[in-house]
């Protein structure tokens, strides 16, 4: 006979907190993605504060499709993503669209130039992997 199949969901979220620290550098913290700032004076690139995994498209999951999409995004001065578009396909249009839609839920510490938050562009990989 046929057996019943059960699935469990998995979720991820972001919290908030406070603290102090010191750091310096350019581009992305932890080497993820590509980005940075230009100009005179001190520049600090944006870094991810909260990046929940995008929803896995059900049809792609059912077909065991995995992949990584490259998404270009614009990070506003408040750390939110204001624009996102695909620059490198995962090979599956459903995964590509889920990646673009998903980065709008990410938040960043904004890029700064001379201590003032500035808009920045970055390219990030979004990987869909079945476990």
N, C-alpha and C. Protein backbone atom coordinates (compact mmCIF):
# COMPACT_ATOMS: atom_id res chain seq x y z
N UNK A 1 0.82 -1.19 0.00
CA UNK A 1 0.00 0.00 0.00
C UNK A 1 0.85 1.23 0.00
N UNK A 2 0.20 2.33 -0.19
CA UNK A 2 0.92 3.60 -0.22
C UNK A 2 1.02 4.16 1.19
N UNK A 3 2.18 4.67 1.52
CA UNK A 3 2.39 5.26 2.85
C UNK A 3 2.16 6.76 2.81
N UNK A 4 1.87 7.31 3.94
CA UNK A 4 1.67 8.77 4.04
C UNK A 4 3.02 9.44 4.16
N UNK A 5 3.14 10.58 3.54
CA UNK A 5 4.39 11.33 3.59
C UNK A 5 4.14 12.58 4.42
N UNK A 6 5.00 12.79 5.38
CA UNK A 6 4.87 13.99 6.20
C UNK A 6 6.10 14.85 6.00
N UNK A 7 5.89 16.14 6.09
CA UNK A 7 7.00 17.09 5.96
C UNK A 7 6.96 18.03 7.14
N UNK A 8 8.11 18.43 7.56
CA UNK A 8 8.18 19.43 8.61
C UNK A 8 8.78 20.69 8.02
N UNK A 9 8.35 21.81 8.52
CA UNK A 9 8.86 23.08 8.03
C UNK A 9 10.05 23.53 8.85
N UNK A 10 10.76 24.45 8.29
CA UNK A 10 11.90 25.02 8.96
C UNK A 10 11.84 26.53 8.77
N UNK A 11 12.13 27.30 9.79
CA UNK A 11 12.06 28.75 9.66
C UNK A 11 13.32 29.40 10.19
N UNK A 12 13.48 30.63 9.80
CA UNK A 12 14.61 31.41 10.29
C UNK A 12 14.13 32.83 10.49
N UNK A 13 14.67 33.48 11.47
CA UNK A 13 14.28 34.86 11.73
C UNK A 13 15.47 35.63 12.24
N UNK A 14 15.26 36.90 12.43
CA UNK A 14 16.34 37.76 12.90
C UNK A 14 15.89 38.44 14.17
N UNK A 15 16.80 38.61 15.07
CA UNK A 15 16.52 39.28 16.32
C UNK A 15 17.24 40.61 16.37
N UNK A 16 17.13 41.27 17.50
CA UNK A 16 17.82 42.52 17.66
C UNK A 16 18.53 42.52 19.00
N UNK A 17 19.48 43.40 19.14
CA UNK A 17 20.23 43.49 20.37
C UNK A 17 21.08 44.74 20.34
N UNK A 18 21.93 44.88 21.33
CA UNK A 18 22.79 46.04 21.35
C UNK A 18 24.18 45.60 21.79
N UNK A 19 25.14 46.46 21.53
CA UNK A 19 26.50 46.16 21.93
C UNK A 19 27.43 47.21 21.38
N UNK A 20 28.69 47.06 21.68
CA UNK A 20 29.68 47.99 21.16
C UNK A 20 30.80 47.18 20.55
N UNK A 21 31.54 47.81 19.69
CA UNK A 21 32.66 47.12 19.06
C UNK A 21 33.48 48.08 18.24
N UNK A 22 34.54 47.55 17.67
CA UNK A 22 35.43 48.36 16.85
C UNK A 22 35.84 47.52 15.66
N UNK A 23 35.91 48.13 14.52
CA UNK A 23 36.38 47.42 13.34
C UNK A 23 36.75 48.39 12.26
N UNK A 24 37.51 47.93 11.30
CA UNK A 24 37.82 48.76 10.16
C UNK A 24 38.03 47.87 8.95
N UNK A 25 37.92 48.45 7.81
CA UNK A 25 38.09 47.68 6.59
C UNK A 25 37.27 48.28 5.48
N UNK A 26 37.22 47.59 4.36
CA UNK A 26 36.43 48.06 3.24
C UNK A 26 35.72 46.88 2.63
N UNK A 27 34.70 47.16 1.86
CA UNK A 27 33.95 46.08 1.24
C UNK A 27 33.07 45.39 2.25
N UNK A 28 32.90 44.11 2.08
CA UNK A 28 31.98 43.35 2.91
C UNK A 28 32.69 42.72 4.09
N UNK A 29 32.02 42.71 5.23
CA UNK A 29 32.50 42.00 6.39
C UNK A 29 32.32 40.50 6.14
N UNK A 30 33.23 39.70 6.57
CA UNK A 30 33.19 38.24 6.45
C UNK A 30 33.31 37.77 5.01
N UNK A 31 33.69 38.65 4.10
CA UNK A 31 33.98 38.24 2.73
C UNK A 31 32.78 37.76 1.94
N UNK A 32 31.55 38.06 2.36
CA UNK A 32 30.39 37.61 1.61
C UNK A 32 29.95 38.69 0.65
N UNK A 33 29.79 38.34 -0.60
CA UNK A 33 29.32 39.28 -1.59
C UNK A 33 30.42 40.23 -2.04
N UNK A 34 30.02 41.17 -2.87
CA UNK A 34 30.96 42.16 -3.36
C UNK A 34 30.30 43.52 -3.20
N UNK A 35 31.05 44.50 -2.79
CA UNK A 35 30.48 45.83 -2.62
C UNK A 35 31.53 46.75 -2.07
N UNK A 36 31.14 47.95 -1.76
CA UNK A 36 32.07 48.90 -1.18
C UNK A 36 31.65 50.30 -1.51
N UNK A 37 32.47 51.22 -1.15
CA UNK A 37 32.16 52.62 -1.40
C UNK A 37 33.32 53.33 -2.05
N UNK A 38 33.04 54.51 -2.59
CA UNK A 38 34.08 55.32 -3.21
C UNK A 38 34.01 56.71 -2.62
N UNK A 39 35.11 57.42 -2.68
CA UNK A 39 35.11 58.80 -2.24
C UNK A 39 36.28 59.08 -1.34
N UNK A 40 36.37 60.34 -0.94
CA UNK A 40 37.46 60.72 -0.06
C UNK A 40 36.99 60.56 1.37
N UNK A 41 37.93 60.46 2.27
CA UNK A 41 37.59 60.27 3.67
C UNK A 41 37.38 58.80 3.95
N UNK A 42 36.91 58.51 5.15
CA UNK A 42 36.73 57.13 5.57
C UNK A 42 35.45 56.54 5.01
N UNK A 43 35.57 55.36 4.41
CA UNK A 43 34.41 54.66 3.86
C UNK A 43 34.30 53.30 4.51
N UNK A 44 33.09 52.88 4.82
CA UNK A 44 32.82 51.56 5.35
C UNK A 44 31.69 50.97 4.54
N UNK A 45 31.90 49.77 4.00
CA UNK A 45 30.86 49.13 3.21
C UNK A 45 29.74 48.59 4.08
N UNK A 46 28.60 48.28 3.47
CA UNK A 46 27.49 47.71 4.23
C UNK A 46 27.79 46.27 4.62
N UNK A 47 27.11 45.77 5.65
CA UNK A 47 27.20 44.35 5.96
C UNK A 47 25.84 43.86 6.43
N UNK A 48 25.62 42.57 6.21
CA UNK A 48 24.32 41.97 6.52
C UNK A 48 24.11 41.89 8.01
N UNK A 49 22.95 42.35 8.43
CA UNK A 49 22.54 42.24 9.83
C UNK A 49 21.56 41.09 9.96
N UNK A 50 20.66 40.98 9.01
CA UNK A 50 19.62 39.97 9.05
C UNK A 50 19.36 39.50 7.61
N UNK A 51 19.53 38.21 7.36
CA UNK A 51 19.33 37.69 6.01
C UNK A 51 18.60 36.34 6.07
N UNK A 52 17.28 36.36 6.36
CA UNK A 52 16.55 35.09 6.39
C UNK A 52 16.53 34.43 5.01
N UNK A 53 16.54 33.12 5.01
CA UNK A 53 16.51 32.38 3.75
C UNK A 53 15.18 32.64 3.04
N UNK A 54 15.23 32.90 1.73
CA UNK A 54 13.97 33.07 0.98
C UNK A 54 13.17 31.76 0.99
N UNK A 55 11.88 31.88 0.76
CA UNK A 55 11.02 30.70 0.67
C UNK A 55 11.44 29.85 -0.53
N UNK A 56 11.58 28.56 -0.29
CA UNK A 56 11.94 27.62 -1.37
C UNK A 56 10.69 27.39 -2.20
N UNK A 57 10.73 27.65 -3.49
CA UNK A 57 9.54 27.41 -4.33
C UNK A 57 9.11 25.94 -4.24
N UNK A 58 7.85 25.67 -3.92
CA UNK A 58 7.40 24.29 -3.74
C UNK A 58 7.65 23.39 -4.95
N UNK A 59 7.44 23.91 -6.16
CA UNK A 59 7.65 23.08 -7.36
C UNK A 59 9.12 22.72 -7.53
N UNK A 60 10.02 23.67 -7.21
CA UNK A 60 11.46 23.40 -7.31
C UNK A 60 11.87 22.39 -6.25
N UNK A 61 11.31 22.53 -5.04
CA UNK A 61 11.61 21.56 -3.97
C UNK A 61 11.13 20.16 -4.37
N UNK A 62 9.92 20.07 -4.91
CA UNK A 62 9.36 18.77 -5.30
C UNK A 62 10.19 18.12 -6.41
N UNK A 63 10.79 18.94 -7.26
CA UNK A 63 11.61 18.42 -8.36
C UNK A 63 13.08 18.27 -7.97
N UNK A 64 13.40 18.50 -6.68
CA UNK A 64 14.78 18.40 -6.17
C UNK A 64 15.75 19.32 -6.91
N UNK A 65 15.30 20.53 -7.20
CA UNK A 65 16.13 21.50 -7.91
C UNK A 65 16.85 22.38 -6.88
N UNK A 66 18.16 22.51 -7.06
CA UNK A 66 18.98 23.38 -6.22
C UNK A 66 19.71 24.38 -7.12
N UNK A 67 20.22 25.43 -6.53
CA UNK A 67 21.00 26.38 -7.33
C UNK A 67 21.33 27.63 -6.54
N UNK A 68 22.20 28.44 -7.14
CA UNK A 68 22.60 29.71 -6.55
C UNK A 68 22.36 30.82 -7.56
N UNK A 69 21.61 31.82 -7.14
CA UNK A 69 21.34 33.00 -7.97
C UNK A 69 22.20 34.15 -7.46
N UNK A 70 22.71 34.96 -8.36
CA UNK A 70 23.45 36.17 -7.99
C UNK A 70 22.50 37.35 -8.14
N UNK A 71 22.33 38.11 -7.06
CA UNK A 71 21.39 39.22 -7.05
C UNK A 71 22.13 40.51 -6.76
N UNK A 72 21.92 41.51 -7.61
CA UNK A 72 22.47 42.84 -7.39
C UNK A 72 21.42 43.64 -6.63
N UNK A 73 21.85 44.36 -5.62
CA UNK A 73 20.89 45.12 -4.84
C UNK A 73 21.43 46.49 -4.47
N UNK A 74 20.48 47.37 -4.15
CA UNK A 74 20.80 48.71 -3.66
C UNK A 74 20.36 48.76 -2.21
N UNK A 75 21.30 49.14 -1.35
CA UNK A 75 21.04 49.24 0.09
C UNK A 75 20.91 50.71 0.43
N UNK A 76 19.75 51.09 0.96
CA UNK A 76 19.50 52.49 1.32
C UNK A 76 20.22 52.89 2.60
N UNK A 77 20.14 54.17 2.89
CA UNK A 77 20.83 54.71 4.06
C UNK A 77 20.27 54.17 5.38
N UNK A 78 19.07 53.59 5.35
CA UNK A 78 18.51 52.99 6.57
C UNK A 78 18.81 51.49 6.67
N UNK A 79 19.55 50.96 5.70
CA UNK A 79 19.93 49.54 5.71
C UNK A 79 18.94 48.62 5.01
N UNK A 80 17.85 49.18 4.48
CA UNK A 80 16.88 48.36 3.78
C UNK A 80 17.28 48.19 2.31
N UNK A 81 16.77 47.14 1.68
CA UNK A 81 17.02 46.89 0.26
C UNK A 81 15.93 47.60 -0.53
N UNK A 82 16.33 48.56 -1.38
CA UNK A 82 15.35 49.32 -2.15
C UNK A 82 15.22 48.83 -3.58
N UNK A 83 16.24 48.15 -4.09
CA UNK A 83 16.20 47.60 -5.45
C UNK A 83 16.93 46.27 -5.45
N UNK A 84 16.45 45.35 -6.28
CA UNK A 84 17.12 44.06 -6.45
C UNK A 84 16.82 43.53 -7.84
N UNK A 85 17.86 43.01 -8.50
CA UNK A 85 17.63 42.36 -9.79
C UNK A 85 18.65 41.26 -9.99
N UNK A 86 18.27 40.30 -10.80
CA UNK A 86 19.09 39.12 -11.06
C UNK A 86 20.25 39.48 -11.98
N UNK A 87 21.46 39.08 -11.60
CA UNK A 87 22.62 39.27 -12.47
C UNK A 87 23.29 37.95 -12.84
N UNK A 88 22.90 36.87 -12.15
CA UNK A 88 23.43 35.55 -12.47
C UNK A 88 22.41 34.48 -12.13
N UNK A 89 21.93 33.76 -13.13
CA UNK A 89 20.86 32.81 -12.93
C UNK A 89 21.33 31.54 -12.21
N UNK A 90 20.42 30.97 -11.45
CA UNK A 90 20.66 29.68 -10.80
C UNK A 90 20.45 28.54 -11.79
N UNK A 91 19.85 28.87 -12.94
CA UNK A 91 19.49 27.84 -13.91
C UNK A 91 18.02 27.46 -13.81
N UNK A 92 17.30 28.07 -12.85
CA UNK A 92 15.88 27.79 -12.67
C UNK A 92 15.17 29.10 -12.39
N UNK A 93 14.18 29.43 -13.21
CA UNK A 93 13.51 30.73 -13.09
C UNK A 93 12.77 30.89 -11.76
N UNK A 94 12.25 29.79 -11.21
CA UNK A 94 11.54 29.88 -9.93
C UNK A 94 12.51 30.23 -8.79
N UNK A 95 13.68 29.60 -8.79
CA UNK A 95 14.68 29.92 -7.77
C UNK A 95 15.17 31.35 -7.94
N UNK A 96 15.37 31.77 -9.20
CA UNK A 96 15.83 33.13 -9.47
C UNK A 96 14.85 34.16 -8.92
N UNK A 97 13.56 33.97 -9.18
CA UNK A 97 12.54 34.91 -8.72
C UNK A 97 12.44 34.91 -7.20
N UNK A 98 12.53 33.74 -6.58
CA UNK A 98 12.47 33.65 -5.12
C UNK A 98 13.67 34.36 -4.49
N UNK A 99 14.83 34.27 -5.13
CA UNK A 99 16.02 34.94 -4.62
C UNK A 99 15.85 36.46 -4.66
N UNK A 100 15.38 36.98 -5.79
CA UNK A 100 15.18 38.42 -5.93
C UNK A 100 14.14 38.90 -4.91
N UNK A 101 13.02 38.19 -4.81
CA UNK A 101 11.98 38.58 -3.86
C UNK A 101 12.48 38.49 -2.42
N UNK A 102 13.28 37.47 -2.13
CA UNK A 102 13.74 37.23 -0.77
C UNK A 102 14.68 38.27 -0.21
N UNK A 103 15.54 38.87 -1.05
CA UNK A 103 16.50 39.83 -0.50
C UNK A 103 15.84 41.11 -0.01
N UNK A 104 14.60 41.36 -0.43
CA UNK A 104 13.89 42.53 0.09
C UNK A 104 13.60 42.39 1.59
N UNK A 105 13.68 41.17 2.13
CA UNK A 105 13.48 40.94 3.56
C UNK A 105 14.77 41.05 4.35
N UNK A 106 15.89 41.27 3.69
CA UNK A 106 17.17 41.39 4.37
C UNK A 106 17.36 42.80 4.91
N UNK A 107 18.17 42.90 5.94
CA UNK A 107 18.53 44.23 6.44
C UNK A 107 20.04 44.28 6.63
N UNK A 108 20.56 45.47 6.49
CA UNK A 108 21.99 45.70 6.52
C UNK A 108 22.32 46.84 7.47
N UNK A 109 23.54 46.85 7.96
CA UNK A 109 24.09 48.06 8.55
C UNK A 109 24.55 48.85 7.33
N UNK A 110 24.07 50.09 7.16
CA UNK A 110 24.35 50.81 5.92
C UNK A 110 25.83 51.16 5.75
N UNK A 111 26.20 51.36 4.49
CA UNK A 111 27.53 51.85 4.19
C UNK A 111 27.65 53.26 4.77
N UNK A 112 28.86 53.63 5.13
CA UNK A 112 29.08 54.98 5.66
C UNK A 112 30.29 55.61 4.99
N UNK A 113 30.16 56.89 4.78
CA UNK A 113 31.29 57.68 4.28
C UNK A 113 31.43 58.88 5.20
N UNK A 114 32.60 59.01 5.79
CA UNK A 114 32.86 60.07 6.77
C UNK A 114 31.83 60.04 7.90
N UNK A 115 31.40 58.83 8.30
CA UNK A 115 30.46 58.67 9.40
C UNK A 115 29.00 58.85 9.04
N UNK A 116 28.71 59.20 7.79
CA UNK A 116 27.34 59.44 7.36
C UNK A 116 26.84 58.26 6.52
N UNK A 117 25.66 57.71 6.83
CA UNK A 117 25.13 56.62 6.02
C UNK A 117 24.92 57.05 4.57
N UNK A 118 25.32 56.18 3.64
CA UNK A 118 25.16 56.44 2.21
C UNK A 118 24.56 55.22 1.54
N UNK A 119 23.90 55.45 0.40
CA UNK A 119 23.36 54.35 -0.39
C UNK A 119 24.52 53.57 -0.99
N UNK A 120 24.37 52.26 -1.11
CA UNK A 120 25.44 51.42 -1.66
C UNK A 120 24.84 50.33 -2.55
N UNK A 121 25.65 49.82 -3.44
CA UNK A 121 25.28 48.69 -4.30
C UNK A 121 26.13 47.49 -3.90
N UNK A 122 25.55 46.32 -4.05
CA UNK A 122 26.28 45.09 -3.75
C UNK A 122 25.69 43.97 -4.59
N UNK A 123 26.46 42.91 -4.75
CA UNK A 123 26.00 41.69 -5.41
C UNK A 123 26.17 40.57 -4.41
N UNK A 124 25.09 39.80 -4.20
CA UNK A 124 25.12 38.73 -3.22
C UNK A 124 24.67 37.40 -3.84
N UNK A 125 25.25 36.28 -3.39
CA UNK A 125 24.75 34.97 -3.81
C UNK A 125 23.59 34.55 -2.92
N UNK A 126 22.57 33.96 -3.51
CA UNK A 126 21.46 33.39 -2.74
C UNK A 126 21.37 31.93 -3.15
N UNK A 127 21.68 31.04 -2.21
CA UNK A 127 21.76 29.61 -2.50
C UNK A 127 20.54 28.86 -1.97
N UNK A 128 19.97 28.04 -2.84
CA UNK A 128 18.88 27.14 -2.46
C UNK A 128 19.45 25.73 -2.46
N UNK A 129 19.45 25.12 -1.29
CA UNK A 129 20.02 23.78 -1.15
C UNK A 129 19.06 22.92 -0.34
N UNK A 130 18.72 21.77 -0.87
CA UNK A 130 17.85 20.84 -0.15
C UNK A 130 18.68 20.09 0.88
N UNK A 131 18.11 19.86 2.05
CA UNK A 131 18.86 19.16 3.10
C UNK A 131 18.17 17.89 3.47
